[in-house]
């Protein structure tokens, strides 16, 4: 897992984006890698899902899917925040930070409504794992695109983020609806993985890709 974090951070730092500064040093790259890795760890903690405890030790496929989707989603967000020119590395952190915070807020509020975390960790609902992964990846694409581009000001960045990132609300509403209607019950302990898991996952990702295409170049 440590190796995975390192690879993700390394790949995300290559096209130094918003934070591209003349005379960048290896220390600056290492600092950004540390910040990205920290963001991924925070995301995992906020999900309430443990890669070691849930996915590995308990061999919970649903948890593994959700965690992988969360990590990929936040990586896409940082990749978007890394696109464009800006005055310093802190611009990347700000851009990616507001987008990551939005995704975490979606998850926390949604979990209070649907208790999807319990479906994943206790019921081992693989369909919920697929849906959650698709939601994080699709939202990562949308919100990553929303924070991509050259830096002008804090106000302009937030304004562009809202104007371009609102489609993520559609994915959130869809995943909330599916989490409620496909919640495991005593009569249906294992909802259909294809209908309630894989297909929604693919639709969420397709929606994210479609949004990026429609937004066009930054």
N, C-alpha and C. Protein backbone atom coordinates (compact mmCIF):
# COMPACT_ATOMS: atom_id res chain seq x y z
N UNK A 1 0.83 -1.21 0.00
CA UNK A 1 0.00 0.00 0.00
C UNK A 1 0.86 1.25 0.00
N UNK A 2 1.99 1.22 0.77
CA UNK A 2 2.89 2.37 0.77
C UNK A 2 3.44 2.60 -0.63
N UNK A 3 3.74 1.50 -1.32
CA UNK A 3 4.24 1.63 -2.68
C UNK A 3 3.21 2.24 -3.60
N UNK A 4 1.94 1.86 -3.39
CA UNK A 4 0.86 2.42 -4.21
C UNK A 4 0.75 3.92 -4.01
N UNK A 5 0.80 4.36 -2.73
CA UNK A 5 0.74 5.79 -2.44
C UNK A 5 1.88 6.51 -3.14
N UNK A 6 3.07 5.92 -3.09
CA UNK A 6 4.22 6.56 -3.71
C UNK A 6 4.06 6.70 -5.20
N UNK A 7 3.55 5.66 -5.86
CA UNK A 7 3.36 5.71 -7.31
C UNK A 7 2.33 6.75 -7.69
N UNK A 8 1.23 6.80 -6.92
CA UNK A 8 0.18 7.78 -7.21
C UNK A 8 0.73 9.19 -7.07
N UNK A 9 1.44 9.44 -5.97
CA UNK A 9 1.99 10.77 -5.74
C UNK A 9 3.00 11.13 -6.82
N UNK A 10 3.83 10.16 -7.23
CA UNK A 10 4.83 10.42 -8.24
C UNK A 10 4.20 10.76 -9.57
N UNK A 11 3.17 10.01 -9.96
CA UNK A 11 2.53 10.25 -11.25
C UNK A 11 1.81 11.58 -11.26
N UNK A 12 1.26 11.99 -10.11
CA UNK A 12 0.50 13.23 -10.05
C UNK A 12 1.40 14.46 -10.12
N UNK A 13 2.68 14.31 -9.76
CA UNK A 13 3.54 15.48 -9.71
C UNK A 13 4.24 15.75 -11.03
N UNK A 14 4.20 14.85 -11.98
CA UNK A 14 4.98 15.01 -13.19
C UNK A 14 4.61 16.27 -13.98
N UNK A 15 3.31 16.47 -14.34
CA UNK A 15 2.99 17.68 -15.10
C UNK A 15 2.72 18.82 -14.16
N UNK A 16 3.72 19.38 -13.49
CA UNK A 16 3.45 20.33 -12.42
C UNK A 16 2.63 21.47 -12.98
N UNK A 17 1.47 21.61 -12.47
CA UNK A 17 0.37 22.43 -12.90
C UNK A 17 0.28 23.83 -12.43
N UNK A 18 -0.90 23.98 -11.71
CA UNK A 18 -1.19 25.29 -11.12
C UNK A 18 0.01 25.77 -10.34
N UNK A 19 0.72 24.83 -9.72
CA UNK A 19 1.85 25.21 -8.89
C UNK A 19 3.16 25.26 -9.62
N UNK A 20 3.16 25.36 -10.92
CA UNK A 20 4.39 25.36 -11.68
C UNK A 20 5.11 26.68 -11.43
N UNK A 21 6.33 26.59 -10.95
CA UNK A 21 7.09 27.78 -10.61
C UNK A 21 8.48 27.67 -11.22
N UNK A 22 8.99 28.77 -11.71
CA UNK A 22 10.33 28.75 -12.27
C UNK A 22 11.33 28.41 -11.18
N UNK A 23 12.30 27.56 -11.52
CA UNK A 23 13.31 27.18 -10.55
C UNK A 23 12.84 26.20 -9.52
N UNK A 24 11.85 25.36 -9.87
CA UNK A 24 11.35 24.37 -8.92
C UNK A 24 12.47 23.43 -8.54
N UNK A 25 12.46 22.97 -7.29
CA UNK A 25 13.52 22.12 -6.77
C UNK A 25 12.98 20.75 -6.42
N UNK A 26 13.88 19.75 -6.29
CA UNK A 26 13.43 18.43 -5.85
C UNK A 26 12.72 18.49 -4.52
N UNK A 27 13.12 19.42 -3.66
CA UNK A 27 12.45 19.56 -2.37
C UNK A 27 11.00 19.94 -2.56
N UNK A 28 10.73 20.84 -3.55
CA UNK A 28 9.36 21.24 -3.80
C UNK A 28 8.53 20.07 -4.28
N UNK A 29 9.10 19.24 -5.16
CA UNK A 29 8.38 18.07 -5.65
C UNK A 29 8.10 17.09 -4.53
N UNK A 30 9.09 16.89 -3.67
CA UNK A 30 8.92 15.97 -2.54
C UNK A 30 7.85 16.49 -1.59
N UNK A 31 7.84 17.81 -1.41
CA UNK A 31 6.85 18.43 -0.52
C UNK A 31 5.44 18.21 -1.06
N UNK A 32 5.29 18.40 -2.39
CA UNK A 32 3.97 18.19 -2.98
C UNK A 32 3.56 16.72 -2.88
N UNK A 33 4.52 15.81 -3.10
CA UNK A 33 4.22 14.39 -2.99
C UNK A 33 3.74 14.05 -1.58
N UNK A 34 4.38 14.65 -0.59
CA UNK A 34 3.98 14.41 0.80
C UNK A 34 2.57 14.92 1.05
N UNK A 35 2.25 16.08 0.49
CA UNK A 35 0.92 16.64 0.68
C UNK A 35 -0.14 15.78 0.01
N UNK A 36 0.17 15.28 -1.19
CA UNK A 36 -0.78 14.42 -1.89
C UNK A 36 -1.01 13.13 -1.13
N UNK A 37 0.09 12.54 -0.66
CA UNK A 37 -0.04 11.30 0.11
C UNK A 37 -0.86 11.54 1.38
N UNK A 38 -0.61 12.69 2.03
CA UNK A 38 -1.39 13.01 3.22
C UNK A 38 -2.86 13.15 2.92
N UNK A 39 -3.18 13.77 1.77
CA UNK A 39 -4.59 13.93 1.39
C UNK A 39 -5.25 12.58 1.16
N UNK A 40 -4.51 11.66 0.56
CA UNK A 40 -5.07 10.33 0.33
C UNK A 40 -5.33 9.60 1.65
N UNK A 41 -4.41 9.76 2.59
CA UNK A 41 -4.59 9.11 3.89
C UNK A 41 -5.78 9.70 4.63
N UNK A 42 -5.92 11.03 4.57
CA UNK A 42 -7.06 11.69 5.21
C UNK A 42 -8.36 11.22 4.58
N UNK A 43 -8.36 11.10 3.25
CA UNK A 43 -9.57 10.64 2.57
C UNK A 43 -9.95 9.25 3.05
N UNK A 44 -8.98 8.36 3.17
CA UNK A 44 -9.26 7.01 3.62
C UNK A 44 -9.83 7.03 5.03
N UNK A 45 -9.26 7.89 5.89
CA UNK A 45 -9.74 7.96 7.27
C UNK A 45 -11.17 8.49 7.32
N UNK A 46 -11.46 9.51 6.50
CA UNK A 46 -12.80 10.11 6.51
C UNK A 46 -13.85 9.16 5.96
N UNK A 47 -13.43 8.25 5.09
CA UNK A 47 -14.39 7.28 4.57
C UNK A 47 -14.85 6.31 5.64
N UNK A 48 -14.05 6.19 6.71
CA UNK A 48 -14.40 5.22 7.73
C UNK A 48 -14.13 3.80 7.29
N UNK A 49 -13.31 3.64 6.25
CA UNK A 49 -12.97 2.33 5.72
C UNK A 49 -11.47 2.14 5.82
N UNK A 50 -11.06 1.01 6.34
CA UNK A 50 -9.64 0.73 6.51
C UNK A 50 -9.19 -0.30 5.48
N UNK A 51 -8.16 0.06 4.73
CA UNK A 51 -7.63 -0.87 3.73
C UNK A 51 -7.08 -2.12 4.42
N UNK A 52 -6.36 -1.92 5.50
CA UNK A 52 -5.76 -3.07 6.19
C UNK A 52 -6.82 -3.91 6.90
N UNK A 53 -7.68 -3.25 7.70
CA UNK A 53 -8.64 -3.99 8.51
C UNK A 53 -9.79 -4.56 7.68
N UNK A 54 -10.39 -3.72 6.85
CA UNK A 54 -11.59 -4.14 6.11
C UNK A 54 -11.24 -4.92 4.85
N UNK A 55 -10.40 -4.35 4.01
CA UNK A 55 -10.15 -4.95 2.70
C UNK A 55 -9.21 -6.14 2.77
N UNK A 56 -8.14 -6.04 3.59
CA UNK A 56 -7.13 -7.10 3.59
C UNK A 56 -7.39 -8.16 4.66
N UNK A 57 -7.42 -7.75 5.92
CA UNK A 57 -7.56 -8.74 7.00
C UNK A 57 -8.93 -9.43 6.96
N UNK A 58 -9.98 -8.68 6.66
CA UNK A 58 -11.33 -9.26 6.62
C UNK A 58 -11.72 -9.70 5.21
N UNK A 59 -10.83 -9.49 4.26
CA UNK A 59 -11.08 -9.91 2.87
C UNK A 59 -12.43 -9.41 2.38
N UNK A 60 -12.69 -8.11 2.63
CA UNK A 60 -13.96 -7.50 2.26
C UNK A 60 -13.82 -6.84 0.89
N UNK A 61 -14.34 -7.50 -0.13
CA UNK A 61 -14.24 -6.98 -1.50
C UNK A 61 -14.94 -5.63 -1.65
N UNK A 62 -16.10 -5.49 -1.00
CA UNK A 62 -16.85 -4.24 -1.09
C UNK A 62 -16.02 -3.06 -0.58
N UNK A 63 -15.35 -3.27 0.55
CA UNK A 63 -14.51 -2.21 1.11
C UNK A 63 -13.33 -1.91 0.20
N UNK A 64 -12.73 -2.94 -0.36
CA UNK A 64 -11.62 -2.74 -1.27
C UNK A 64 -12.01 -1.91 -2.48
N UNK A 65 -13.18 -2.19 -3.03
CA UNK A 65 -13.67 -1.42 -4.18
C UNK A 65 -13.89 0.04 -3.81
N UNK A 66 -14.54 0.28 -2.67
CA UNK A 66 -14.84 1.66 -2.25
C UNK A 66 -13.56 2.44 -2.00
N UNK A 67 -12.59 1.81 -1.33
CA UNK A 67 -11.33 2.49 -1.03
C UNK A 67 -10.56 2.80 -2.31
N UNK A 68 -10.51 1.82 -3.21
CA UNK A 68 -9.80 2.04 -4.48
C UNK A 68 -10.44 3.18 -5.26
N UNK A 69 -11.78 3.21 -5.28
CA UNK A 69 -12.47 4.30 -5.97
C UNK A 69 -12.18 5.65 -5.34
N UNK A 70 -12.15 5.68 -4.00
CA UNK A 70 -11.86 6.93 -3.30
C UNK A 70 -10.46 7.44 -3.61
N UNK A 71 -9.49 6.53 -3.61
CA UNK A 71 -8.11 6.92 -3.91
C UNK A 71 -7.97 7.42 -5.34
N UNK A 72 -8.61 6.72 -6.27
CA UNK A 72 -8.53 7.15 -7.67
C UNK A 72 -9.25 8.48 -7.88
N UNK A 73 -10.39 8.65 -7.19
CA UNK A 73 -11.13 9.90 -7.31
C UNK A 73 -10.32 11.09 -6.84
N UNK A 74 -9.66 10.98 -5.69
CA UNK A 74 -8.89 12.11 -5.18
C UNK A 74 -7.64 12.32 -6.01
N UNK A 75 -7.11 11.26 -6.61
CA UNK A 75 -5.97 11.40 -7.52
C UNK A 75 -6.37 12.21 -8.75
N UNK A 76 -7.57 11.93 -9.28
CA UNK A 76 -8.06 12.69 -10.43
C UNK A 76 -8.26 14.16 -10.07
N UNK A 77 -8.70 14.42 -8.85
CA UNK A 77 -8.89 15.79 -8.40
C UNK A 77 -7.56 16.53 -8.36
N UNK A 78 -6.53 15.88 -7.79
CA UNK A 78 -5.21 16.51 -7.72
C UNK A 78 -4.63 16.68 -9.12
N UNK A 79 -4.91 15.73 -10.01
CA UNK A 79 -4.44 15.87 -11.38
C UNK A 79 -5.06 17.11 -12.04
N UNK A 80 -6.36 17.32 -11.79
CA UNK A 80 -7.01 18.51 -12.33
C UNK A 80 -6.46 19.79 -11.72
N UNK A 81 -6.25 19.77 -10.40
CA UNK A 81 -5.70 20.94 -9.74
C UNK A 81 -4.28 21.25 -10.19
N UNK A 82 -3.63 20.25 -10.80
CA UNK A 82 -2.26 20.39 -11.27
C UNK A 82 -2.17 20.96 -12.67
N UNK A 83 -3.29 21.27 -13.30
CA UNK A 83 -3.29 21.74 -14.68
C UNK A 83 -3.46 23.25 -14.73
N UNK A 84 -2.53 23.92 -15.37
CA UNK A 84 -2.58 25.37 -15.48
C UNK A 84 -1.38 26.03 -14.84
N UNK A 85 -1.32 27.33 -14.93
CA UNK A 85 -0.22 28.10 -14.36
C UNK A 85 -0.70 28.87 -13.13
N UNK A 86 0.20 29.00 -12.16
CA UNK A 86 -0.15 29.71 -10.94
C UNK A 86 1.08 30.19 -10.22
N UNK A 87 0.90 30.95 -9.15
CA UNK A 87 2.04 31.56 -8.45
C UNK A 87 2.82 30.63 -7.54
N UNK A 88 2.30 29.44 -7.25
CA UNK A 88 3.04 28.57 -6.33
C UNK A 88 2.33 27.26 -6.09
N UNK A 89 3.00 26.35 -5.35
CA UNK A 89 2.44 25.03 -5.07
C UNK A 89 1.16 25.11 -4.26
N UNK A 90 1.03 26.16 -3.46
CA UNK A 90 -0.14 26.28 -2.60
C UNK A 90 -1.44 26.39 -3.41
N UNK A 91 -1.31 26.85 -4.67
CA UNK A 91 -2.48 26.95 -5.54
C UNK A 91 -3.04 25.56 -5.82
N UNK A 92 -2.13 24.60 -6.05
CA UNK A 92 -2.55 23.22 -6.28
C UNK A 92 -3.28 22.67 -5.07
N UNK A 93 -2.72 22.94 -3.90
CA UNK A 93 -3.32 22.45 -2.65
C UNK A 93 -4.70 23.07 -2.44
N UNK A 94 -4.82 24.37 -2.74
CA UNK A 94 -6.12 25.03 -2.56
C UNK A 94 -7.15 24.47 -3.52
N UNK A 95 -6.78 24.38 -4.80
CA UNK A 95 -7.72 23.90 -5.81
C UNK A 95 -8.17 22.48 -5.50
N UNK A 96 -7.20 21.61 -5.26
CA UNK A 96 -7.54 20.22 -4.96
C UNK A 96 -8.24 20.10 -3.62
N UNK A 97 -7.90 21.00 -2.70
CA UNK A 97 -8.49 20.93 -1.36
C UNK A 97 -9.98 21.19 -1.36
N UNK A 98 -10.43 22.22 -2.10
CA UNK A 98 -11.86 22.52 -2.10
C UNK A 98 -12.65 21.41 -2.80
N UNK A 99 -12.05 20.82 -3.84
CA UNK A 99 -12.74 19.73 -4.54
C UNK A 99 -12.80 18.48 -3.69
N UNK A 100 -11.70 18.16 -3.01
CA UNK A 100 -11.68 16.99 -2.12
C UNK A 100 -12.65 17.18 -0.97
N UNK A 101 -12.71 18.39 -0.43
CA UNK A 101 -13.62 18.68 0.68
C UNK A 101 -15.07 18.49 0.24
N UNK A 102 -15.37 18.86 -1.01
CA UNK A 102 -16.73 18.69 -1.52
C UNK A 102 -17.10 17.21 -1.60
N UNK A 103 -16.18 16.39 -2.10
CA UNK A 103 -16.45 14.95 -2.18
C UNK A 103 -16.64 14.34 -0.80
N UNK A 104 -15.79 14.73 0.14
CA UNK A 104 -15.91 14.22 1.51
C UNK A 104 -17.24 14.64 2.13
N UNK A 105 -17.67 15.87 1.85
CA UNK A 105 -18.95 16.35 2.38
C UNK A 105 -20.09 15.53 1.80
N UNK A 106 -20.03 15.25 0.49
CA UNK A 106 -21.05 14.39 -0.12
C UNK A 106 -21.11 13.05 0.59
N UNK A 107 -19.95 12.46 0.82
CA UNK A 107 -19.90 11.13 1.44
C UNK A 107 -20.45 11.16 2.86
N UNK A 108 -20.00 12.14 3.66
CA UNK A 108 -20.41 12.20 5.06
C UNK A 108 -21.92 12.42 5.20
N UNK A 109 -22.47 13.35 4.42
CA UNK A 109 -23.91 13.60 4.48
C UNK A 109 -24.67 12.38 3.95
N UNK A 110 -24.21 11.83 2.83
CA UNK A 110 -24.88 10.67 2.26
C UNK A 110 -24.87 9.48 3.19
N UNK A 111 -23.76 9.28 3.89
CA UNK A 111 -23.69 8.14 4.81
C UNK A 111 -24.63 8.30 5.99
N UNK A 112 -24.83 9.54 6.42
CA UNK A 112 -25.79 9.79 7.50
C UNK A 112 -27.21 9.44 7.06
N UNK A 113 -27.48 9.59 5.77
CA UNK A 113 -28.83 9.32 5.26
C UNK A 113 -29.02 7.84 4.94
N UNK A 114 -28.04 7.23 4.30
CA UNK A 114 -28.20 5.86 3.78
C UNK A 114 -27.47 4.79 4.58
N UNK A 115 -26.50 5.19 5.42
CA UNK A 115 -25.68 4.24 6.18
C UNK A 115 -24.99 3.25 5.25
N UNK A 116 -24.49 3.77 4.12
CA UNK A 116 -23.84 2.91 3.14
C UNK A 116 -22.55 2.31 3.69
N UNK A 117 -21.92 3.00 4.63
CA UNK A 117 -20.69 2.46 5.22
C UNK A 117 -20.95 1.13 5.91
N UNK A 118 -22.09 1.04 6.60
CA UNK A 118 -22.44 -0.22 7.26
C UNK A 118 -22.73 -1.31 6.23
N UNK A 119 -23.37 -0.92 5.13
CA UNK A 119 -23.65 -1.89 4.07
C UNK A 119 -22.35 -2.47 3.52
N UNK A 120 -21.32 -1.62 3.45
CA UNK A 120 -20.04 -2.06 2.90
C UNK A 120 -19.24 -2.88 3.92
N UNK A 121 -19.14 -2.37 5.15
CA UNK A 121 -18.26 -3.02 6.13
C UNK A 121 -18.92 -4.19 6.86
N UNK A 122 -20.21 -4.07 7.16
CA UNK A 122 -20.90 -5.12 7.94
C UNK A 122 -21.60 -6.12 7.03
N UNK A 123 -22.40 -5.59 6.09
CA UNK A 123 -23.15 -6.48 5.19
C UNK A 123 -22.29 -6.99 4.03
N UNK A 124 -21.13 -6.39 3.84
CA UNK A 124 -20.24 -6.78 2.73
C UNK A 124 -20.97 -6.71 1.39
N UNK A 125 -21.73 -5.65 1.22
CA UNK A 125 -22.52 -5.47 0.01
C UNK A 125 -21.61 -5.03 -1.14
N UNK A 126 -21.25 -5.98 -2.00
CA UNK A 126 -20.34 -5.69 -3.11
C UNK A 126 -20.94 -4.67 -4.06
N UNK A 127 -22.26 -4.72 -4.26
CA UNK A 127 -22.90 -3.74 -5.14
C UNK A 127 -22.68 -2.32 -4.62
N UNK A 128 -22.78 -2.15 -3.29
CA UNK A 128 -22.54 -0.83 -2.70
C UNK A 128 -21.10 -0.40 -2.91
N UNK A 129 -20.17 -1.36 -2.84
CA UNK A 129 -18.77 -1.04 -3.10
C UNK A 129 -18.54 -0.55 -4.51
N UNK A 130 -19.16 -1.22 -5.48
CA UNK A 130 -19.05 -0.79 -6.87
C UNK A 130 -19.64 0.60 -7.06
N UNK A 131 -20.84 0.85 -6.48
CA UNK A 131 -21.48 2.15 -6.63
C UNK A 131 -20.63 3.26 -6.03
N UNK A 132 -20.12 3.00 -4.86
CA UNK A 132 -19.31 4.00 -4.18
C UNK A 132 -18.05 4.31 -4.97
N UNK A 133 -17.41 3.28 -5.49
CA UNK A 133 -16.21 3.49 -6.31
C UNK A 133 -16.54 4.33 -7.53
N UNK A 134 -17.63 4.00 -8.22
CA UNK A 134 -18.02 4.75 -9.40
C UNK A 134 -18.34 6.20 -9.08
N UNK A 135 -19.00 6.42 -7.94
CA UNK A 135 -19.32 7.79 -7.54
C UNK A 135 -18.06 8.60 -7.31
N UNK A 136 -17.08 8.04 -6.60
CA UNK A 136 -15.85 8.77 -6.32
C UNK A 136 -15.06 9.05 -7.60
N UNK A 137 -15.00 8.09 -8.50
CA UNK A 137 -14.26 8.29 -9.74
C UNK A 137 -14.96 9.32 -10.62
N UNK A 138 -16.28 9.17 -10.78
CA UNK A 138 -17.03 10.12 -11.60
C UNK A 138 -16.95 11.53 -11.03
N UNK A 139 -17.11 11.66 -9.71
CA UNK A 139 -17.02 12.97 -9.07
C UNK A 139 -15.61 13.53 -9.18
N UNK A 140 -14.61 12.65 -9.08
CA UNK A 140 -13.23 13.09 -9.22
C UNK A 140 -12.97 13.69 -10.59
N UNK A 141 -13.53 13.07 -11.62
CA UNK A 141 -13.39 13.60 -12.97
C UNK A 141 -14.05 14.97 -13.10
N UNK A 142 -15.28 15.08 -12.60
CA UNK A 142 -16.03 16.33 -12.72
C UNK A 142 -15.37 17.46 -11.93
N UNK A 143 -15.06 17.18 -10.67
CA UNK A 143 -14.50 18.22 -9.81
C UNK A 143 -13.05 18.52 -10.15
N UNK A 144 -12.33 17.50 -10.63
CA UNK A 144 -10.96 17.75 -11.08
C UNK A 144 -10.94 18.70 -12.27
N UNK A 145 -11.89 18.50 -13.18
CA UNK A 145 -12.00 19.42 -14.33
C UNK A 145 -12.42 20.81 -13.87
N UNK A 146 -13.25 20.87 -12.82
CA UNK A 146 -13.75 22.16 -12.34
C UNK A 146 -12.64 23.04 -11.76
N UNK A 147 -11.57 22.42 -11.24
CA UNK A 147 -10.48 23.21 -10.66
C UNK A 147 -9.27 23.31 -11.58
N UNK A 148 -9.38 22.76 -12.79
CA UNK A 148 -8.27 22.83 -13.74
C UNK A 148 -8.22 24.21 -14.41
N UNK A 149 -7.03 24.61 -14.80
CA UNK A 149 -6.89 25.87 -15.51
C UNK A 149 -5.95 26.84 -14.81
N UNK A 150 -5.68 27.95 -15.45
CA UNK A 150 -4.78 28.96 -14.90
C UNK A 150 -5.41 29.65 -13.69
N UNK A 151 -4.56 30.02 -12.76
CA UNK A 151 -4.99 30.71 -11.54
C UNK A 151 -5.14 32.20 -11.80
N UNK A 152 -6.28 32.76 -11.34
CA UNK A 152 -6.51 34.20 -11.44
C UNK A 152 -6.69 34.81 -10.04
N UNK A 153 -7.58 34.21 -9.27
CA UNK A 153 -7.81 34.69 -7.91
C UNK A 153 -8.58 33.63 -7.14
N UNK A 154 -8.60 33.78 -5.83
CA UNK A 154 -9.35 32.84 -5.00
C UNK A 154 -10.83 32.90 -5.34
N UNK A 155 -11.37 34.11 -5.47
CA UNK A 155 -12.79 34.28 -5.77
C UNK A 155 -13.14 33.66 -7.12
N UNK A 156 -12.30 33.89 -8.13
CA UNK A 156 -12.56 33.34 -9.45
C UNK A 156 -12.49 31.82 -9.45
N UNK A 157 -11.56 31.28 -8.67
CA UNK A 157 -11.42 29.82 -8.59
C UNK A 157 -12.66 29.19 -7.98
N UNK A 158 -13.13 29.76 -6.89
CA UNK A 158 -14.33 29.23 -6.23
C UNK A 158 -15.55 29.38 -7.14
N UNK A 159 -15.64 30.51 -7.82
CA UNK A 159 -16.76 30.74 -8.74
C UNK A 159 -16.75 29.73 -9.88
N UNK A 160 -15.58 29.49 -10.47
CA UNK A 160 -15.46 28.50 -11.55
C UNK A 160 -15.76 27.10 -11.04
N UNK A 161 -15.32 26.82 -9.82
CA UNK A 161 -15.55 25.49 -9.23
C UNK A 161 -17.05 25.21 -9.10
N UNK A 162 -17.79 26.18 -8.64
CA UNK A 162 -19.24 26.00 -8.49
C UNK A 162 -19.91 25.89 -9.85
N UNK A 163 -19.50 26.76 -10.79
CA UNK A 163 -20.13 26.78 -12.10
C UNK A 163 -19.87 25.51 -12.90
N UNK A 164 -18.69 24.93 -12.72
CA UNK A 164 -18.32 23.75 -13.51
C UNK A 164 -18.46 22.44 -12.74
N UNK A 165 -18.53 22.53 -11.42
CA UNK A 165 -18.57 21.31 -10.62
C UNK A 165 -19.94 20.85 -10.18
N UNK A 166 -20.98 21.65 -10.46
CA UNK A 166 -22.32 21.30 -9.97
C UNK A 166 -22.83 19.95 -10.51
N UNK A 167 -22.43 19.47 -11.70
CA UNK A 167 -22.93 18.16 -12.14
C UNK A 167 -22.62 17.02 -11.17
N UNK A 168 -21.63 17.22 -10.31
CA UNK A 168 -21.34 16.18 -9.32
C UNK A 168 -22.53 15.96 -8.40
N UNK A 169 -23.36 16.98 -8.23
CA UNK A 169 -24.56 16.85 -7.41
C UNK A 169 -25.52 15.82 -8.02
N UNK A 170 -25.53 15.73 -9.34
CA UNK A 170 -26.40 14.75 -10.01
C UNK A 170 -25.95 13.33 -9.66
N UNK A 171 -24.63 13.11 -9.71
CA UNK A 171 -24.11 11.78 -9.34
C UNK A 171 -24.42 11.49 -7.88
N UNK A 172 -24.29 12.50 -7.03
CA UNK A 172 -24.56 12.30 -5.60
C UNK A 172 -26.01 11.92 -5.38
N UNK A 173 -26.92 12.62 -6.04
CA UNK A 173 -28.34 12.29 -5.90
C UNK A 173 -28.64 10.89 -6.40
N UNK A 174 -28.00 10.49 -7.49
CA UNK A 174 -28.23 9.16 -8.03
C UNK A 174 -27.71 8.07 -7.11
N UNK A 175 -26.53 8.28 -6.54
CA UNK A 175 -25.98 7.25 -5.66
C UNK A 175 -26.77 7.18 -4.35
N UNK A 176 -27.29 8.31 -3.87
CA UNK A 176 -28.14 8.30 -2.68
C UNK A 176 -29.40 7.48 -2.94
N UNK A 177 -30.03 7.71 -4.08
CA UNK A 177 -31.24 6.98 -4.43
C UNK A 177 -30.98 5.48 -4.49
N UNK A 178 -29.90 5.10 -5.15
CA UNK A 178 -29.58 3.67 -5.28
C UNK A 178 -29.19 3.06 -3.95
N UNK A 179 -28.48 3.82 -3.12
CA UNK A 179 -28.11 3.30 -1.79
C UNK A 179 -29.35 3.00 -0.95
N UNK A 180 -30.40 3.80 -1.14
CA UNK A 180 -31.63 3.61 -0.36
C UNK A 180 -32.45 2.45 -0.90
N UNK A 181 -32.67 2.42 -2.21
CA UNK A 181 -33.55 1.39 -2.78
C UNK A 181 -32.90 0.01 -2.81
N UNK A 182 -31.56 -0.03 -2.80
CA UNK A 182 -30.90 -1.34 -2.87
C UNK A 182 -30.24 -1.74 -1.56
N UNK A 183 -30.66 -1.10 -0.49
CA UNK A 183 -30.09 -1.41 0.83
C UNK A 183 -30.36 -2.87 1.19
N UNK A 184 -29.36 -3.59 1.68
CA UNK A 184 -29.57 -5.00 2.07
C UNK A 184 -30.66 -5.14 3.13
N UNK A 185 -31.49 -6.15 2.98
CA UNK A 185 -32.58 -6.43 3.92
C UNK A 185 -32.53 -7.91 4.28
N UNK A 186 -33.27 -8.31 5.32
CA UNK A 186 -33.30 -9.75 5.66
C UNK A 186 -33.80 -10.61 4.49
N UNK A 187 -34.68 -10.04 3.68
CA UNK A 187 -35.21 -10.79 2.54
C UNK A 187 -34.26 -10.74 1.34
N UNK A 188 -33.41 -9.69 1.26
CA UNK A 188 -32.47 -9.54 0.15
C UNK A 188 -31.12 -9.11 0.72
N UNK A 189 -30.38 -10.09 1.19
CA UNK A 189 -29.11 -9.80 1.85
C UNK A 189 -28.01 -9.41 0.87
N UNK A 190 -28.16 -9.81 -0.39
CA UNK A 190 -27.13 -9.51 -1.39
C UNK A 190 -27.79 -8.96 -2.65
N UNK A 191 -27.97 -7.63 -2.75
CA UNK A 191 -28.55 -7.03 -3.95
C UNK A 191 -27.76 -7.41 -5.20
N UNK A 192 -28.43 -7.45 -6.31
CA UNK A 192 -27.80 -7.84 -7.57
C UNK A 192 -26.59 -6.95 -7.87
N UNK A 193 -25.43 -7.57 -8.02
CA UNK A 193 -24.20 -6.82 -8.22
C UNK A 193 -24.18 -6.08 -9.55
N UNK A 194 -24.68 -6.72 -10.58
CA UNK A 194 -24.65 -6.11 -11.90
C UNK A 194 -25.60 -4.93 -11.99
N UNK A 195 -26.85 -5.14 -11.58
CA UNK A 195 -27.87 -4.11 -11.71
C UNK A 195 -27.64 -2.93 -10.76
N UNK A 196 -27.30 -3.24 -9.51
CA UNK A 196 -27.17 -2.18 -8.51
C UNK A 196 -25.72 -1.79 -8.21
N UNK A 197 -24.76 -2.44 -8.88
CA UNK A 197 -23.37 -2.14 -8.60
C UNK A 197 -22.55 -1.79 -9.82
N UNK A 198 -22.28 -2.78 -10.66
CA UNK A 198 -21.39 -2.57 -11.79
C UNK A 198 -21.96 -1.55 -12.79
N UNK A 199 -23.24 -1.71 -13.17
CA UNK A 199 -23.83 -0.79 -14.14
C UNK A 199 -23.86 0.66 -13.64
N UNK A 200 -24.33 0.90 -12.39
CA UNK A 200 -24.26 2.28 -11.90
C UNK A 200 -22.84 2.82 -11.87
N UNK A 201 -21.88 1.97 -11.49
CA UNK A 201 -20.48 2.39 -11.46
C UNK A 201 -20.04 2.87 -12.83
N UNK A 202 -20.34 2.09 -13.86
CA UNK A 202 -19.95 2.46 -15.21
C UNK A 202 -20.66 3.73 -15.67
N UNK A 203 -21.94 3.87 -15.27
CA UNK A 203 -22.68 5.08 -15.64
C UNK A 203 -22.11 6.32 -14.98
N UNK A 204 -21.72 6.21 -13.71
CA UNK A 204 -21.13 7.35 -13.00
C UNK A 204 -19.81 7.77 -13.67
N UNK A 205 -18.99 6.78 -14.01
CA UNK A 205 -17.71 7.09 -14.64
C UNK A 205 -17.93 7.69 -16.02
N UNK A 206 -18.88 7.12 -16.77
CA UNK A 206 -19.21 7.65 -18.09
C UNK A 206 -19.70 9.09 -17.98
N UNK A 207 -20.51 9.36 -16.94
CA UNK A 207 -20.99 10.73 -16.73
C UNK A 207 -19.84 11.69 -16.46
N UNK A 208 -18.86 11.23 -15.67
CA UNK A 208 -17.71 12.08 -15.40
C UNK A 208 -16.89 12.35 -16.64
N UNK A 209 -16.66 11.31 -17.44
CA UNK A 209 -15.91 11.48 -18.69
C UNK A 209 -16.66 12.41 -19.64
N UNK A 210 -17.98 12.23 -19.72
CA UNK A 210 -18.79 13.09 -20.58
C UNK A 210 -18.73 14.54 -20.17
N UNK A 211 -18.71 14.79 -18.86
CA UNK A 211 -18.63 16.17 -18.39
C UNK A 211 -17.30 16.79 -18.78
N UNK A 212 -16.22 16.03 -18.63
CA UNK A 212 -14.90 16.55 -19.00
C UNK A 212 -14.86 16.90 -20.49
N UNK A 213 -15.45 16.03 -21.31
CA UNK A 213 -15.47 16.28 -22.76
C UNK A 213 -16.30 17.51 -23.09
N UNK A 214 -17.46 17.63 -22.45
CA UNK A 214 -18.34 18.78 -22.71
C UNK A 214 -17.72 20.10 -22.26
N UNK A 215 -16.99 20.05 -21.14
CA UNK A 215 -16.34 21.29 -20.65
C UNK A 215 -15.27 21.75 -21.63
N UNK A 216 -14.66 20.82 -22.31
CA UNK A 216 -13.64 21.17 -23.29
C UNK A 216 -12.31 21.54 -22.66
N UNK A 217 -11.36 21.96 -23.48
CA UNK A 217 -10.02 22.33 -22.98
C UNK A 217 -10.10 23.46 -21.97
N UNK A 218 -9.15 23.46 -21.07
CA UNK A 218 -9.11 24.53 -20.08
C UNK A 218 -8.26 25.67 -20.61
